[in-house]
Amino acid sequence: MVKNITIFTTNTCAYCQMVKKYLTAKNMGYEEVNLDDNPHRRAEAHALSGAMTVPVTVVTKTDDSKEVIVGYNLAKLAPAVN
């Protein structure tokens, strides 16, 4: 079971919009961390993903395990949120 979802985004990221639309269509709530508005959290996104790109979606399960999905990757995102 999903405990919470956090998406690291930027203002100009088309893939970020796609992830948000997908989660909204699935009636999944999420916290958005816009890195343009919160540049101090860039290091956190990088530490979680190892990538310098967005979106970075962090799915935290009820057992506090985390699955990190970089980009718009439905092959990983869909099973992570189900």
Protein backbone atom coordinates (compact mmCIF):
# COMPACT_ATOMS: atom_id res chain seq x y z
CA MET A 1 0.00 0.00 0.00
CA VAL A 2 1.09 3.52 -0.78
CA LYS A 3 1.65 5.83 2.17
CA ASN A 4 2.56 8.95 0.21
CA ILE A 5 3.95 10.15 -3.11
CA THR A 6 6.35 13.05 -3.65
CA ILE A 7 7.17 14.43 -7.10
CA PHE A 8 10.16 16.69 -7.65
CA THR A 9 9.34 18.96 -10.60
CA THR A 10 10.31 22.16 -12.39
CA ASN A 11 8.15 24.78 -14.09
CA THR A 12 9.18 23.85 -17.65
CA CYS A 13 9.10 20.05 -17.38
CA ALA A 14 6.51 18.47 -19.71
CA TYR A 15 7.13 14.99 -18.26
CA CYS A 16 6.38 16.34 -14.78
CA GLN A 17 2.94 17.41 -16.00
CA MET A 18 2.39 13.93 -17.46
CA VAL A 19 3.23 12.22 -14.15
CA LYS A 20 0.90 14.56 -12.26
CA LYS A 21 -1.92 13.96 -14.76
CA TYR A 22 -1.43 10.19 -14.51
CA LEU A 23 -1.59 10.23 -10.71
CA THR A 24 -4.60 12.55 -10.72
CA ALA A 25 -6.42 10.24 -13.16
CA LYS A 26 -5.72 7.34 -10.76
CA ASN A 27 -7.09 9.44 -7.85
CA MET A 28 -3.69 9.31 -6.17
CA GLY A 29 -2.75 12.26 -3.97
CA TYR A 30 0.81 13.57 -4.08
CA GLU A 31 3.09 16.27 -2.74
CA GLU A 32 4.78 18.37 -5.40
CA VAL A 33 8.20 19.85 -4.69
CA ASN A 34 8.92 22.42 -7.38
CA LEU A 35 12.69 22.78 -7.57
CA ASP A 36 12.43 26.19 -9.26
CA ASP A 37 10.60 27.44 -6.17
CA ASN A 38 12.62 25.31 -3.70
CA PRO A 39 16.20 25.17 -5.06
CA HIS A 40 17.51 24.12 -1.63
CA ARG A 41 15.81 20.71 -2.21
CA ARG A 42 17.74 19.90 -5.42
CA ALA A 43 20.36 17.98 -3.42
CA GLU A 44 17.59 15.88 -1.85
CA ALA A 45 16.19 14.94 -5.27
CA HIS A 46 19.67 14.10 -6.54
CA ALA A 47 20.49 12.00 -3.46
CA LEU A 48 17.27 10.01 -3.90
CA SER A 49 17.58 9.43 -7.64
CA GLY A 50 21.23 9.82 -8.59
CA ALA A 51 19.93 11.89 -11.51
CA MET A 52 20.09 15.56 -12.35
CA THR A 53 16.74 15.46 -14.14
CA VAL A 54 13.06 15.68 -13.26
CA PRO A 55 10.52 14.38 -12.59
CA VAL A 56 11.70 12.33 -9.66
CA THR A 57 8.75 10.49 -8.15
CA VAL A 58 9.21 8.95 -4.71
CA VAL A 59 6.58 6.41 -3.71
CA THR A 60 6.72 5.63 0.00
CA LYS A 61 4.95 2.43 1.03
CA THR A 62 3.25 1.84 4.39
CA ASP A 63 6.33 -0.13 5.52
CA ASP A 64 8.40 3.04 4.81
CA SER A 65 10.22 1.44 1.86
CA LYS A 66 10.72 3.85 -1.02
CA GLU A 67 10.61 3.36 -4.75
CA VAL A 68 12.20 6.14 -6.82
CA ILE A 69 11.13 6.59 -10.43
CA VAL A 70 13.07 8.98 -12.67
CA GLY A 71 11.26 10.52 -15.62
CA TYR A 72 7.87 9.55 -17.02
CA ASN A 73 8.30 5.80 -16.80
CA LEU A 74 4.90 4.11 -16.63
CA ALA A 75 6.50 0.66 -16.61
CA LYS A 76 7.86 1.51 -13.15
CA LEU A 77 5.33 4.08 -11.96
CA ALA A 78 2.16 2.03 -12.53
CA PRO A 79 3.18 -0.97 -10.40
CA ALA A 80 4.69 1.30 -7.74
CA VAL A 81 1.38 3.06 -7.08
CA ASN A 82 -0.85 -0.01 -7.29
